[in-house]
Amino acid sequence: MPNGAGAVVAIYRYPVKGLSAEKMDRVVLTPGECLPHDRRFAIALGSTRFDPERPEWLPKTHFIMLMRDEKLAQLQTHFDAESAVLAITKTDRVLMHARMTDPEGCKLVGEFFTNFLGDSVDGPLRVVSASGHAFADARRKPNATTDKYVSLINCSSIAALERAMGAVIDPIRFRANIYIDGAPAWSEHDIVGALGRAFGHTNMGVYAEVMVGGEIAVDDALLMTSGT
């Protein structure tokens, strides 16, 4: 039974974990997969142990991240999926280009962020990736068939949180893939069930597993139904 209807108002991917969001008009989803190139790369701390031959989920604290390394907010990054080149800019000034699939390019990116963040992080930093692996924030759920998710946030829920806090909140701070609007606040939790203080739960948004593939685009209608 429908619990809330709305529309897709924004789609984002994050090719490098912890760096800039990249806005998309449309994207093709594949069953069991996250958005193409979403969290494909991460920049690991010096103490992080990651084996690309046996990739395992690690908490985001093992990598550079905006929550802790706020200086990253000064940078804008763009990843070109066709060439695999990452561009890093600051106030419209290009600081570097590097191919993320090339060892030398990865070395340059690691060195750049090691120097940029300095002593505030555990260096030296390095780029990590693994075939078929995404550096998702959420660990695989016990009843899931995949560890790759699409995150969804309801803009009405953000507005409800703003009213409760008495402060303006930038929706991008939650770093979700899909933002919807037009559905009642917190109705997204009806599809999974949830708990907290002001609203009876502690979740801002939900993680979704793609069951049937297809294209989604900004302005697409959305219908949410209760989970079982």
N, C-alpha and C. Protein backbone atom coordinates (compact mmCIF):
# COMPACT_ATOMS: atom_id res chain seq x y z
N MET A 1 0.85 -1.18 0.00
CA MET A 1 0.00 0.00 0.00
C MET A 1 0.89 1.24 0.00
N PRO A 2 0.61 2.23 -0.82
CA PRO A 2 1.46 3.40 -0.88
C PRO A 2 1.46 4.17 0.43
N ASN A 3 2.61 4.57 0.89
CA ASN A 3 2.74 5.38 2.10
C ASN A 3 3.11 6.82 1.78
N GLY A 4 3.71 7.05 0.64
CA GLY A 4 4.10 8.41 0.31
C GLY A 4 4.52 8.48 -1.13
N ALA A 5 4.14 9.54 -1.79
CA ALA A 5 4.55 9.74 -3.17
C ALA A 5 5.40 11.00 -3.21
N GLY A 6 6.28 11.06 -4.15
CA GLY A 6 7.13 12.23 -4.28
C GLY A 6 7.81 12.19 -5.63
N ALA A 7 8.87 12.95 -5.75
CA ALA A 7 9.62 12.99 -7.00
C ALA A 7 11.10 13.10 -6.69
N VAL A 8 11.90 12.58 -7.59
CA VAL A 8 13.35 12.72 -7.49
C VAL A 8 13.72 14.16 -7.82
N VAL A 9 14.42 14.84 -6.89
CA VAL A 9 14.80 16.23 -7.13
C VAL A 9 16.30 16.40 -7.35
N ALA A 10 17.09 15.39 -6.99
CA ALA A 10 18.54 15.49 -7.21
C ALA A 10 19.15 14.10 -7.13
N ILE A 11 20.19 13.88 -7.94
CA ILE A 11 20.94 12.64 -7.93
C ILE A 11 22.42 12.98 -7.84
N TYR A 12 23.14 12.31 -6.94
CA TYR A 12 24.56 12.58 -6.74
C TYR A 12 25.34 11.27 -6.67
N ARG A 13 26.56 11.32 -7.14
CA ARG A 13 27.50 10.23 -6.90
C ARG A 13 28.76 10.84 -6.27
N TYR A 14 29.55 9.98 -5.65
CA TYR A 14 30.77 10.40 -4.96
C TYR A 14 31.90 9.46 -5.39
N PRO A 15 32.52 9.72 -6.55
CA PRO A 15 33.51 8.78 -7.08
C PRO A 15 34.66 8.50 -6.12
N VAL A 16 35.10 9.53 -5.40
CA VAL A 16 36.16 9.34 -4.40
C VAL A 16 35.56 9.60 -3.02
N LYS A 17 35.55 8.60 -2.20
CA LYS A 17 34.97 8.71 -0.87
C LYS A 17 35.55 9.91 -0.13
N GLY A 18 34.67 10.75 0.42
CA GLY A 18 35.11 11.90 1.20
C GLY A 18 35.31 13.17 0.40
N LEU A 19 35.28 13.07 -0.94
CA LEU A 19 35.47 14.27 -1.77
C LEU A 19 34.14 14.74 -2.33
N SER A 20 34.18 15.64 -3.31
CA SER A 20 32.99 16.34 -3.77
C SER A 20 31.90 15.42 -4.30
N ALA A 21 30.67 15.89 -4.08
CA ALA A 21 29.52 15.26 -4.73
C ALA A 21 29.47 15.70 -6.19
N GLU A 22 29.05 14.78 -7.06
CA GLU A 22 28.88 15.11 -8.47
C GLU A 22 27.41 14.94 -8.84
N LYS A 23 26.80 16.06 -9.28
CA LYS A 23 25.38 16.05 -9.59
C LYS A 23 25.13 15.41 -10.94
N MET A 24 24.07 14.61 -11.02
CA MET A 24 23.71 13.91 -12.25
C MET A 24 22.25 14.18 -12.59
N ASP A 25 21.96 14.28 -13.88
CA ASP A 25 20.57 14.45 -14.32
C ASP A 25 19.84 13.12 -14.36
N ARG A 26 20.55 12.05 -14.69
CA ARG A 26 19.95 10.73 -14.80
C ARG A 26 21.03 9.67 -14.61
N VAL A 27 20.62 8.47 -14.29
CA VAL A 27 21.58 7.38 -14.09
C VAL A 27 20.87 6.06 -14.30
N VAL A 28 21.60 5.09 -14.82
CA VAL A 28 21.06 3.74 -15.00
C VAL A 28 21.47 2.89 -13.80
N LEU A 29 20.50 2.31 -13.14
CA LEU A 29 20.75 1.45 -11.98
C LEU A 29 20.76 -0.01 -12.41
N THR A 30 21.61 -0.79 -11.77
CA THR A 30 21.76 -2.22 -12.04
C THR A 30 21.46 -3.00 -10.77
N PRO A 31 20.71 -4.09 -10.85
CA PRO A 31 20.40 -4.88 -9.65
C PRO A 31 21.66 -5.25 -8.87
N GLY A 32 21.61 -5.04 -7.56
CA GLY A 32 22.71 -5.42 -6.70
C GLY A 32 23.89 -4.48 -6.73
N GLU A 33 23.76 -3.34 -7.43
CA GLU A 33 24.88 -2.40 -7.56
C GLU A 33 24.51 -1.03 -7.01
N CYS A 34 25.53 -0.26 -6.66
CA CYS A 34 25.32 1.14 -6.31
C CYS A 34 25.32 1.96 -7.59
N LEU A 35 25.25 3.30 -7.49
CA LEU A 35 25.37 4.12 -8.68
C LEU A 35 26.72 3.86 -9.34
N PRO A 36 26.78 3.84 -10.67
CA PRO A 36 28.06 3.61 -11.34
C PRO A 36 29.14 4.59 -10.85
N HIS A 37 30.28 4.05 -10.45
CA HIS A 37 31.46 4.80 -9.99
C HIS A 37 31.27 5.45 -8.62
N ASP A 38 30.16 5.18 -7.94
CA ASP A 38 29.96 5.77 -6.62
C ASP A 38 30.91 5.11 -5.61
N ARG A 39 31.67 5.94 -4.88
CA ARG A 39 32.65 5.45 -3.89
C ARG A 39 33.58 4.39 -4.50
N ARG A 40 33.97 4.59 -5.74
CA ARG A 40 34.86 3.65 -6.43
C ARG A 40 36.27 3.69 -5.85
N PHE A 41 36.68 4.88 -5.41
CA PHE A 41 38.01 5.07 -4.84
C PHE A 41 37.88 5.64 -3.43
N ALA A 42 38.92 5.45 -2.66
CA ALA A 42 39.02 6.08 -1.35
C ALA A 42 40.48 6.46 -1.13
N ILE A 43 40.70 7.38 -0.21
CA ILE A 43 42.07 7.79 0.12
C ILE A 43 42.34 7.36 1.54
N ALA A 44 43.16 6.32 1.66
CA ALA A 44 43.38 5.65 2.94
C ALA A 44 44.41 6.37 3.79
N LEU A 45 44.22 6.29 5.11
CA LEU A 45 45.20 6.81 6.06
C LEU A 45 46.43 5.90 6.06
N GLY A 46 47.51 6.40 6.59
CA GLY A 46 48.75 5.63 6.63
C GLY A 46 48.62 4.33 7.39
N SER A 47 47.76 4.31 8.41
CA SER A 47 47.61 3.11 9.25
C SER A 47 46.57 2.13 8.72
N THR A 48 45.86 2.50 7.65
CA THR A 48 44.78 1.66 7.13
C THR A 48 45.33 0.46 6.37
N ARG A 49 44.83 -0.71 6.67
CA ARG A 49 45.21 -1.93 5.97
C ARG A 49 44.07 -2.34 5.04
N PHE A 50 44.34 -2.31 3.74
CA PHE A 50 43.33 -2.66 2.75
C PHE A 50 43.98 -3.51 1.67
N ASP A 51 43.44 -4.72 1.44
CA ASP A 51 43.98 -5.63 0.45
C ASP A 51 43.07 -5.62 -0.77
N PRO A 52 43.50 -5.06 -1.91
CA PRO A 52 42.65 -5.01 -3.10
C PRO A 52 42.31 -6.39 -3.66
N GLU A 53 43.09 -7.40 -3.30
CA GLU A 53 42.78 -8.77 -3.75
C GLU A 53 41.68 -9.39 -2.90
N ARG A 54 41.54 -8.91 -1.66
CA ARG A 54 40.49 -9.39 -0.77
C ARG A 54 39.85 -8.18 -0.09
N PRO A 55 39.13 -7.38 -0.86
CA PRO A 55 38.56 -6.14 -0.30
C PRO A 55 37.49 -6.43 0.74
N GLU A 56 37.57 -5.73 1.85
CA GLU A 56 36.58 -5.86 2.91
C GLU A 56 36.09 -4.46 3.30
N TRP A 57 34.86 -4.43 3.83
CA TRP A 57 34.29 -3.17 4.28
C TRP A 57 35.08 -2.62 5.47
N LEU A 58 35.35 -1.33 5.44
CA LEU A 58 36.02 -0.64 6.54
C LEU A 58 35.24 0.61 6.90
N PRO A 59 35.19 0.99 8.17
CA PRO A 59 34.52 2.24 8.56
C PRO A 59 35.19 3.44 7.89
N LYS A 60 34.43 4.49 7.70
CA LYS A 60 34.96 5.67 7.00
C LYS A 60 36.10 6.34 7.77
N THR A 61 36.24 6.04 9.04
CA THR A 61 37.34 6.61 9.82
C THR A 61 38.70 6.14 9.34
N HIS A 62 38.74 5.11 8.49
CA HIS A 62 40.00 4.60 7.94
C HIS A 62 40.46 5.42 6.73
N PHE A 63 39.63 6.37 6.30
CA PHE A 63 39.92 7.14 5.10
C PHE A 63 39.76 8.64 5.40
N ILE A 64 40.24 9.49 4.50
CA ILE A 64 39.96 10.91 4.69
C ILE A 64 38.46 11.12 4.52
N MET A 65 37.91 12.05 5.31
CA MET A 65 36.46 12.27 5.27
C MET A 65 36.14 13.67 5.76
N LEU A 66 35.06 14.23 5.22
CA LEU A 66 34.67 15.60 5.56
C LEU A 66 34.30 15.75 7.04
N MET A 67 33.74 14.71 7.63
CA MET A 67 33.31 14.80 9.03
C MET A 67 34.47 15.16 9.96
N ARG A 68 35.65 14.66 9.63
CA ARG A 68 36.83 14.91 10.46
C ARG A 68 37.80 15.89 9.80
N ASP A 69 37.96 15.77 8.49
CA ASP A 69 38.95 16.57 7.76
C ASP A 69 38.24 17.70 7.02
N GLU A 70 37.74 18.68 7.80
CA GLU A 70 36.88 19.72 7.23
C GLU A 70 37.58 20.58 6.19
N LYS A 71 38.91 20.57 6.15
CA LYS A 71 39.64 21.34 5.15
C LYS A 71 39.31 20.87 3.74
N LEU A 72 38.85 19.63 3.60
CA LEU A 72 38.48 19.10 2.30
C LEU A 72 37.37 19.92 1.64
N ALA A 73 36.58 20.60 2.46
CA ALA A 73 35.47 21.41 1.93
C ALA A 73 35.98 22.58 1.07
N GLN A 74 37.25 22.91 1.18
CA GLN A 74 37.82 23.99 0.35
C GLN A 74 38.01 23.55 -1.10
N LEU A 75 37.97 22.26 -1.34
CA LEU A 75 38.28 21.73 -2.67
C LEU A 75 37.03 21.31 -3.42
N GLN A 76 37.12 21.38 -4.74
CA GLN A 76 36.10 20.83 -5.62
C GLN A 76 36.79 19.78 -6.50
N THR A 77 36.17 18.64 -6.65
CA THR A 77 36.75 17.58 -7.46
C THR A 77 35.76 17.11 -8.50
N HIS A 78 36.29 16.64 -9.63
CA HIS A 78 35.44 16.08 -10.67
C HIS A 78 36.14 14.87 -11.28
N PHE A 79 35.40 13.77 -11.37
CA PHE A 79 35.94 12.53 -11.94
C PHE A 79 35.30 12.28 -13.30
N ASP A 80 36.13 12.16 -14.33
CA ASP A 80 35.65 11.82 -15.66
C ASP A 80 35.70 10.30 -15.82
N ALA A 81 34.53 9.68 -15.89
CA ALA A 81 34.47 8.22 -15.90
C ALA A 81 35.12 7.62 -17.14
N GLU A 82 35.04 8.31 -18.26
CA GLU A 82 35.59 7.77 -19.50
C GLU A 82 37.12 7.72 -19.48
N SER A 83 37.74 8.79 -18.99
CA SER A 83 39.20 8.85 -18.97
C SER A 83 39.78 8.44 -17.63
N ALA A 84 38.92 8.33 -16.60
CA ALA A 84 39.34 8.03 -15.22
C ALA A 84 40.24 9.11 -14.64
N VAL A 85 40.12 10.34 -15.15
CA VAL A 85 40.93 11.45 -14.66
C VAL A 85 40.17 12.22 -13.58
N LEU A 86 40.84 12.45 -12.46
CA LEU A 86 40.30 13.26 -11.37
C LEU A 86 40.89 14.65 -11.47
N ALA A 87 40.03 15.66 -11.48
CA ALA A 87 40.47 17.05 -11.47
C ALA A 87 40.20 17.64 -10.09
N ILE A 88 41.17 18.32 -9.54
CA ILE A 88 41.04 18.96 -8.23
C ILE A 88 41.19 20.46 -8.41
N THR A 89 40.20 21.22 -7.96
CA THR A 89 40.25 22.67 -8.07
C THR A 89 39.96 23.32 -6.72
N LYS A 90 40.35 24.58 -6.61
CA LYS A 90 40.06 25.38 -5.42
C LYS A 90 39.75 26.79 -5.89
N THR A 91 38.53 27.24 -5.57
CA THR A 91 38.06 28.55 -6.04
C THR A 91 38.33 28.73 -7.53
N ASP A 92 37.93 27.72 -8.31
CA ASP A 92 38.03 27.73 -9.78
C ASP A 92 39.46 27.67 -10.31
N ARG A 93 40.43 27.47 -9.44
CA ARG A 93 41.81 27.32 -9.91
C ARG A 93 42.17 25.84 -9.90
N VAL A 94 42.60 25.33 -11.06
CA VAL A 94 42.94 23.91 -11.17
C VAL A 94 44.25 23.65 -10.45
N LEU A 95 44.22 22.72 -9.49
CA LEU A 95 45.41 22.37 -8.73
C LEU A 95 46.12 21.16 -9.31
N MET A 96 45.35 20.22 -9.85
CA MET A 96 45.98 19.06 -10.47
C MET A 96 44.98 18.22 -11.22
N HIS A 97 45.48 17.42 -12.20
CA HIS A 97 44.74 16.37 -12.88
C HIS A 97 45.53 15.09 -12.68
N ALA A 98 44.86 13.98 -12.48
CA ALA A 98 45.56 12.69 -12.34
C ALA A 98 44.63 11.57 -12.73
N ARG A 99 45.19 10.56 -13.43
CA ARG A 99 44.41 9.40 -13.83
C ARG A 99 44.37 8.40 -12.67
N MET A 100 43.16 8.11 -12.22
CA MET A 100 43.00 7.28 -11.03
C MET A 100 43.22 5.79 -11.29
N THR A 101 43.31 5.41 -12.55
CA THR A 101 43.59 4.01 -12.88
C THR A 101 45.06 3.78 -13.18
N ASP A 102 45.86 4.81 -13.03
CA ASP A 102 47.30 4.73 -13.30
C ASP A 102 48.06 4.83 -11.98
N PRO A 103 48.99 3.91 -11.70
CA PRO A 103 49.73 3.95 -10.43
C PRO A 103 50.40 5.29 -10.17
N GLU A 104 50.97 5.90 -11.20
CA GLU A 104 51.62 7.19 -11.00
C GLU A 104 50.60 8.27 -10.67
N GLY A 105 49.44 8.20 -11.33
CA GLY A 105 48.39 9.16 -11.02
C GLY A 105 47.91 9.03 -9.59
N CYS A 106 47.72 7.79 -9.14
CA CYS A 106 47.30 7.55 -7.75
C CYS A 106 48.35 8.05 -6.77
N LYS A 107 49.61 7.86 -7.11
CA LYS A 107 50.70 8.34 -6.25
C LYS A 107 50.64 9.87 -6.11
N LEU A 108 50.37 10.56 -7.22
CA LEU A 108 50.30 12.02 -7.19
C LEU A 108 49.12 12.49 -6.34
N VAL A 109 47.99 11.80 -6.46
CA VAL A 109 46.82 12.17 -5.66
C VAL A 109 47.09 11.95 -4.18
N GLY A 110 47.69 10.82 -3.84
CA GLY A 110 48.04 10.56 -2.44
C GLY A 110 48.96 11.61 -1.88
N GLU A 111 49.96 11.98 -2.66
CA GLU A 111 50.92 13.00 -2.22
C GLU A 111 50.24 14.36 -2.08
N PHE A 112 49.34 14.66 -3.01
CA PHE A 112 48.63 15.95 -2.93
C PHE A 112 47.87 16.07 -1.62
N PHE A 113 47.08 15.05 -1.28
CA PHE A 113 46.27 15.14 -0.06
C PHE A 113 47.12 15.01 1.20
N THR A 114 48.22 14.29 1.13
CA THR A 114 49.14 14.24 2.28
C THR A 114 49.67 15.64 2.58
N ASN A 115 50.05 16.36 1.55
CA ASN A 115 50.56 17.72 1.73
C ASN A 115 49.45 18.70 2.08
N PHE A 116 48.28 18.53 1.47
CA PHE A 116 47.17 19.46 1.69
C PHE A 116 46.65 19.38 3.12
N LEU A 117 46.51 18.17 3.65
CA LEU A 117 45.97 18.00 5.01
C LEU A 117 47.05 18.06 6.08
N GLY A 118 48.29 17.82 5.69
CA GLY A 118 49.41 17.98 6.61
C GLY A 118 49.33 17.09 7.84
N ASP A 119 49.73 17.64 8.97
CA ASP A 119 49.81 16.87 10.21
C ASP A 119 48.46 16.54 10.83
N SER A 120 47.38 17.04 10.24
CA SER A 120 46.05 16.77 10.81
C SER A 120 45.59 15.34 10.54
N VAL A 121 46.30 14.65 9.63
CA VAL A 121 45.92 13.27 9.32
C VAL A 121 47.10 12.33 9.51
N ASP A 122 46.77 11.05 9.62
CA ASP A 122 47.77 10.00 9.75
C ASP A 122 48.26 9.63 8.35
N GLY A 123 49.39 10.17 7.94
CA GLY A 123 49.91 9.91 6.60
C GLY A 123 51.01 8.86 6.62
N PRO A 124 51.61 8.61 5.46
CA PRO A 124 51.23 9.20 4.17
C PRO A 124 49.93 8.60 3.65
N LEU A 125 49.17 9.42 2.93
CA LEU A 125 47.90 8.98 2.37
C LEU A 125 48.12 8.28 1.04
N ARG A 126 47.19 7.40 0.67
CA ARG A 126 47.31 6.70 -0.60
C ARG A 126 45.92 6.39 -1.15
N VAL A 127 45.81 6.33 -2.47
CA VAL A 127 44.56 5.97 -3.13
C VAL A 127 44.41 4.46 -3.10
N VAL A 128 43.21 3.99 -2.76
CA VAL A 128 42.92 2.56 -2.77
C VAL A 128 41.67 2.29 -3.60
N SER A 129 41.63 1.14 -4.23
CA SER A 129 40.46 0.69 -4.99
C SER A 129 40.59 -0.81 -5.19
N ALA A 130 39.49 -1.44 -5.61
CA ALA A 130 39.49 -2.87 -5.89
C ALA A 130 38.38 -3.16 -6.87
N SER A 131 38.62 -4.04 -7.77
CA SER A 131 37.64 -4.38 -8.79
C SER A 131 36.33 -4.84 -8.17
N GLY A 132 35.23 -4.19 -8.56
CA GLY A 132 33.92 -4.57 -8.07
C GLY A 132 33.60 -4.13 -6.67
N HIS A 133 34.48 -3.36 -6.05
CA HIS A 133 34.28 -2.94 -4.65
C HIS A 133 33.88 -1.48 -4.58
N ALA A 134 32.97 -1.16 -3.68
CA ALA A 134 32.58 0.23 -3.40
C ALA A 134 32.81 0.51 -1.93
N PHE A 135 33.38 1.68 -1.64
CA PHE A 135 33.70 2.04 -0.26
C PHE A 135 32.49 2.69 0.41
N ALA A 136 31.46 1.89 0.59
CA ALA A 136 30.21 2.38 1.16
C ALA A 136 30.35 2.67 2.64
N ASP A 137 29.52 3.61 3.13
CA ASP A 137 29.53 3.93 4.56
C ASP A 137 28.87 2.82 5.36
N ALA A 138 27.87 2.16 4.77
CA ALA A 138 27.10 1.16 5.51
C ALA A 138 27.64 -0.24 5.30
N ARG A 139 27.75 -0.97 6.38
CA ARG A 139 28.13 -2.39 6.31
C ARG A 139 26.97 -3.19 5.74
N ARG A 140 27.27 -4.30 5.11
CA ARG A 140 26.22 -5.15 4.53
C ARG A 140 25.23 -5.59 5.60
N LYS A 141 23.95 -5.46 5.30
CA LYS A 141 22.90 -5.85 6.24
C LYS A 141 22.72 -7.37 6.23
N PRO A 142 22.32 -7.95 7.37
CA PRO A 142 22.20 -9.41 7.47
C PRO A 142 21.26 -10.03 6.44
N ASN A 143 20.17 -9.32 6.08
CA ASN A 143 19.19 -9.89 5.15
C ASN A 143 19.37 -9.40 3.72
N ALA A 144 20.49 -8.71 3.44
CA ALA A 144 20.73 -8.17 2.10
C ALA A 144 21.45 -9.18 1.22
N THR A 145 21.28 -9.04 -0.07
CA THR A 145 21.98 -9.91 -1.02
C THR A 145 23.20 -9.23 -1.62
N THR A 146 23.46 -7.99 -1.22
CA THR A 146 24.60 -7.24 -1.74
C THR A 146 25.10 -6.28 -0.68
N ASP A 147 26.34 -5.82 -0.84
CA ASP A 147 26.87 -4.80 0.07
C ASP A 147 26.95 -3.44 -0.62
N LYS A 148 26.25 -3.33 -1.74
CA LYS A 148 26.23 -2.06 -2.48
C LYS A 148 24.83 -1.48 -2.44
N TYR A 149 24.73 -0.26 -1.94
CA TYR A 149 23.44 0.36 -1.71
C TYR A 149 23.30 1.68 -2.47
N VAL A 150 22.06 2.12 -2.60
CA VAL A 150 21.75 3.46 -3.07
C VAL A 150 21.10 4.17 -1.89
N SER A 151 21.67 5.29 -1.47
CA SER A 151 21.13 6.01 -0.31
C SER A 151 20.10 7.04 -0.75
N LEU A 152 19.05 7.17 0.04
CA LEU A 152 17.90 8.02 -0.30
C LEU A 152 17.55 8.90 0.88
N ILE A 153 17.34 10.19 0.61
CA ILE A 153 16.95 11.14 1.67
C ILE A 153 15.75 11.95 1.20
N ASN A 154 14.82 12.12 2.10
CA ASN A 154 13.59 12.88 1.85
C ASN A 154 13.80 14.33 2.29
N CYS A 155 13.67 15.27 1.36
CA CYS A 155 13.87 16.69 1.70
C CYS A 155 12.86 17.19 2.73
N SER A 156 11.67 16.57 2.78
CA SER A 156 10.69 16.95 3.80
C SER A 156 11.18 16.56 5.19
N SER A 157 11.92 15.47 5.27
CA SER A 157 12.49 15.07 6.56
C SER A 157 13.58 16.04 6.99
N ILE A 158 14.38 16.52 6.04
CA ILE A 158 15.40 17.52 6.36
C ILE A 158 14.73 18.80 6.87
N ALA A 159 13.62 19.19 6.23
CA ALA A 159 12.89 20.39 6.67
C ALA A 159 12.36 20.21 8.09
N ALA A 160 11.89 19.00 8.41
CA ALA A 160 11.39 18.73 9.76
C ALA A 160 12.52 18.82 10.78
N LEU A 161 13.71 18.33 10.41
CA LEU A 161 14.87 18.43 11.29
C LEU A 161 15.29 19.89 11.47
N GLU A 162 15.22 20.68 10.40
CA GLU A 162 15.54 22.11 10.50
C GLU A 162 14.62 22.81 11.51
N ARG A 163 13.34 22.47 11.45
CA ARG A 163 12.39 23.09 12.39
C ARG A 163 12.70 22.67 13.82
N ALA A 164 13.06 21.42 14.01
CA ALA A 164 13.37 20.93 15.36
C ALA A 164 14.63 21.57 15.91
N MET A 165 15.62 21.83 15.03
CA MET A 165 16.90 22.39 15.46
C MET A 165 16.91 23.91 15.45
N GLY A 166 16.00 24.50 14.69
CA GLY A 166 16.00 25.95 14.53
C GLY A 166 17.21 26.43 13.75
N ALA A 167 17.64 25.63 12.78
CA ALA A 167 18.83 25.96 11.99
C ALA A 167 18.64 25.48 10.56
N VAL A 168 19.34 26.15 9.64
CA VAL A 168 19.31 25.75 8.24
C VAL A 168 20.32 24.63 8.01
N ILE A 169 19.93 23.61 7.27
CA ILE A 169 20.79 22.45 7.02
C ILE A 169 21.00 22.30 5.51
N ASP A 170 22.24 22.18 5.10
CA ASP A 170 22.55 21.91 3.70
C ASP A 170 22.30 20.43 3.44
N PRO A 171 21.37 20.08 2.54
CA PRO A 171 21.06 18.66 2.30
C PRO A 171 22.28 17.84 1.89
N ILE A 172 23.26 18.46 1.24
CA ILE A 172 24.41 17.72 0.75
C ILE A 172 25.28 17.19 1.89
N ARG A 173 25.12 17.75 3.08
CA ARG A 173 25.94 17.28 4.20
C ARG A 173 25.69 15.81 4.52
N PHE A 174 24.53 15.29 4.11
CA PHE A 174 24.21 13.89 4.38
C PHE A 174 24.76 12.96 3.30
N ARG A 175 25.26 13.51 2.20
CA ARG A 175 25.96 12.76 1.16
C ARG A 175 25.18 11.56 0.65
N ALA A 176 23.91 11.78 0.37
CA ALA A 176 23.06 10.72 -0.18
C ALA A 176 23.17 10.70 -1.70
N ASN A 177 22.71 9.60 -2.29
CA ASN A 177 22.69 9.48 -3.74
C ASN A 177 21.45 10.12 -4.36
N ILE A 178 20.30 9.87 -3.75
CA ILE A 178 19.04 10.34 -4.31
C ILE A 178 18.30 11.18 -3.27
N TYR A 179 17.88 12.37 -3.66
CA TYR A 179 17.08 13.24 -2.81
C TYR A 179 15.69 13.33 -3.42
N ILE A 180 14.67 13.14 -2.59
CA ILE A 180 13.30 13.21 -3.06
C ILE A 180 12.57 14.34 -2.34
N ASP A 181 11.48 14.80 -2.92
CA ASP A 181 10.66 15.82 -2.28
C ASP A 181 9.20 15.55 -2.66
N GLY A 182 8.31 16.09 -1.85
CA GLY A 182 6.90 15.91 -2.12
C GLY A 182 6.25 14.80 -1.31
N ALA A 183 7.06 14.01 -0.63
CA ALA A 183 6.53 12.95 0.25
C ALA A 183 6.51 13.47 1.69
N PRO A 184 5.59 12.97 2.52
CA PRO A 184 5.55 13.42 3.91
C PRO A 184 6.87 13.15 4.63
N ALA A 185 7.19 14.02 5.60
CA ALA A 185 8.41 13.84 6.37
C ALA A 185 8.44 12.47 7.03
N TRP A 186 9.58 11.81 6.94
CA TRP A 186 9.87 10.52 7.55
C TRP A 186 9.10 9.35 6.93
N SER A 187 8.32 9.59 5.88
CA SER A 187 7.60 8.48 5.26
C SER A 187 8.55 7.46 4.65
N GLU A 188 9.81 7.88 4.38
CA GLU A 188 10.78 6.93 3.83
C GLU A 188 11.09 5.81 4.81
N HIS A 189 10.90 6.06 6.10
CA HIS A 189 11.19 5.03 7.10
C HIS A 189 10.10 3.97 7.16
N ASP A 190 8.94 4.26 6.57
CA ASP A 190 7.87 3.26 6.56
C ASP A 190 8.24 2.05 5.72
N ILE A 191 9.21 2.21 4.80
CA ILE A 191 9.56 1.07 3.95
C ILE A 191 10.54 0.13 4.64
N VAL A 192 11.06 0.51 5.80
CA VAL A 192 11.96 -0.39 6.53
C VAL A 192 11.60 -0.51 8.01
N GLY A 193 11.05 0.51 8.60
CA GLY A 193 10.80 0.53 10.03
C GLY A 193 11.98 1.14 10.77
N ALA A 194 11.76 1.86 11.87
CA ALA A 194 12.85 2.54 12.58
C ALA A 194 12.62 2.90 14.04
N LEU A 195 13.88 4.15 15.25
CA LEU A 195 13.62 4.63 16.62
C LEU A 195 14.40 5.93 17.01
N GLY A 196 14.41 7.33 18.47
CA GLY A 196 15.17 8.49 18.89
C GLY A 196 14.31 9.37 19.74
N ARG A 197 14.51 10.56 19.66
CA ARG A 197 13.89 11.46 20.61
C ARG A 197 12.79 12.26 19.95
N ALA A 198 13.13 13.20 19.08
CA ALA A 198 12.13 14.08 18.50
C ALA A 198 11.19 13.39 17.52
N PHE A 199 11.70 12.33 16.84
CA PHE A 199 10.89 11.72 15.79
C PHE A 199 10.70 10.22 15.96
N GLY A 200 11.25 9.63 17.02
CA GLY A 200 11.06 8.21 17.24
C GLY A 200 12.03 7.32 16.48
N HIS A 201 13.11 7.91 15.94
CA HIS A 201 14.13 7.14 15.24
C HIS A 201 15.40 7.98 15.17
N THR A 202 16.48 7.39 14.73
CA THR A 202 17.76 8.11 14.66
C THR A 202 18.37 8.07 13.26
N ASN A 203 17.55 7.87 12.25
CA ASN A 203 18.06 7.72 10.90
C ASN A 203 17.67 8.88 10.01
N MET A 204 18.64 9.51 9.35
CA MET A 204 18.35 10.51 8.34
C MET A 204 18.51 9.85 6.98
N GLY A 205 17.41 9.37 6.43
CA GLY A 205 17.45 8.68 5.15
C GLY A 205 17.53 7.17 5.33
N VAL A 206 17.52 6.48 4.20
CA VAL A 206 17.57 5.02 4.22
C VAL A 206 18.51 4.54 3.12
N TYR A 207 18.97 3.30 3.27
CA TYR A 207 19.74 2.65 2.23
C TYR A 207 18.82 1.69 1.48
N ALA A 208 18.91 1.72 0.14
CA ALA A 208 18.06 0.86 -0.68
C ALA A 208 18.91 -0.08 -1.51
N GLU A 209 18.43 -1.30 -1.67
CA GLU A 209 19.08 -2.27 -2.54
C GLU A 209 18.34 -2.26 -3.88
N VAL A 210 19.08 -2.15 -4.96
CA VAL A 210 18.46 -2.15 -6.29
C VAL A 210 18.07 -3.58 -6.64
N MET A 211 16.77 -3.81 -6.81
CA MET A 211 16.27 -5.15 -7.13
C MET A 211 16.01 -5.31 -8.63
N VAL A 212 15.54 -4.25 -9.27
CA VAL A 212 15.26 -4.27 -10.71
C VAL A 212 15.96 -3.09 -11.35
N GLY A 213 16.71 -3.33 -12.40
CA GLY A 213 17.47 -2.27 -13.03
C GLY A 213 16.61 -1.34 -13.86
N GLY A 214 17.16 -0.20 -14.22
CA GLY A 214 16.47 0.78 -15.05
C GLY A 214 17.03 2.17 -14.83
N GLU A 215 16.59 3.10 -15.65
CA GLU A 215 17.08 4.47 -15.56
C GLU A 215 16.20 5.30 -14.65
N ILE A 216 16.82 6.14 -13.83
CA ILE A 216 16.09 7.14 -13.05
C ILE A 216 16.62 8.49 -13.43
N ALA A 217 15.79 9.51 -13.27
CA ALA A 217 16.19 10.86 -13.65
C ALA A 217 15.53 11.87 -12.73
N VAL A 218 16.12 13.04 -12.65
CA VAL A 218 15.52 14.14 -11.89
C VAL A 218 14.13 14.42 -12.45
N ASP A 219 13.17 14.64 -11.56
CA ASP A 219 11.76 14.89 -11.85
C ASP A 219 10.96 13.61 -12.03
N ASP A 220 11.60 12.43 -11.98
CA ASP A 220 10.83 11.19 -12.01
C ASP A 220 9.94 11.11 -10.77
N ALA A 221 8.75 10.58 -10.96
CA ALA A 221 7.84 10.36 -9.83
C ALA A 221 8.34 9.19 -9.00
N LEU A 222 8.03 9.23 -7.70
CA LEU A 222 8.47 8.18 -6.79
C LEU A 222 7.27 7.73 -5.96
N LEU A 223 7.14 6.43 -5.81
CA LEU A 223 6.08 5.86 -4.98
C LEU A 223 6.73 4.94 -3.96
N MET A 224 6.46 5.16 -2.69
CA MET A 224 7.03 4.34 -1.63
C MET A 224 5.96 3.44 -1.04
N THR A 225 6.31 2.19 -0.81
CA THR A 225 5.38 1.23 -0.23
C THR A 225 5.98 0.60 1.01
N SER A 226 5.15 0.12 1.89
CA SER A 226 5.63 -0.46 3.14
C SER A 226 6.44 -1.71 2.89
N GLY A 227 7.51 -1.90 3.73
CA GLY A 227 8.27 -3.13 3.66
C GLY A 227 7.51 -4.24 4.38
N THR A 228 8.01 -5.45 4.20
CA THR A 228 7.34 -6.56 4.86
C THR A 228 8.22 -7.09 5.96
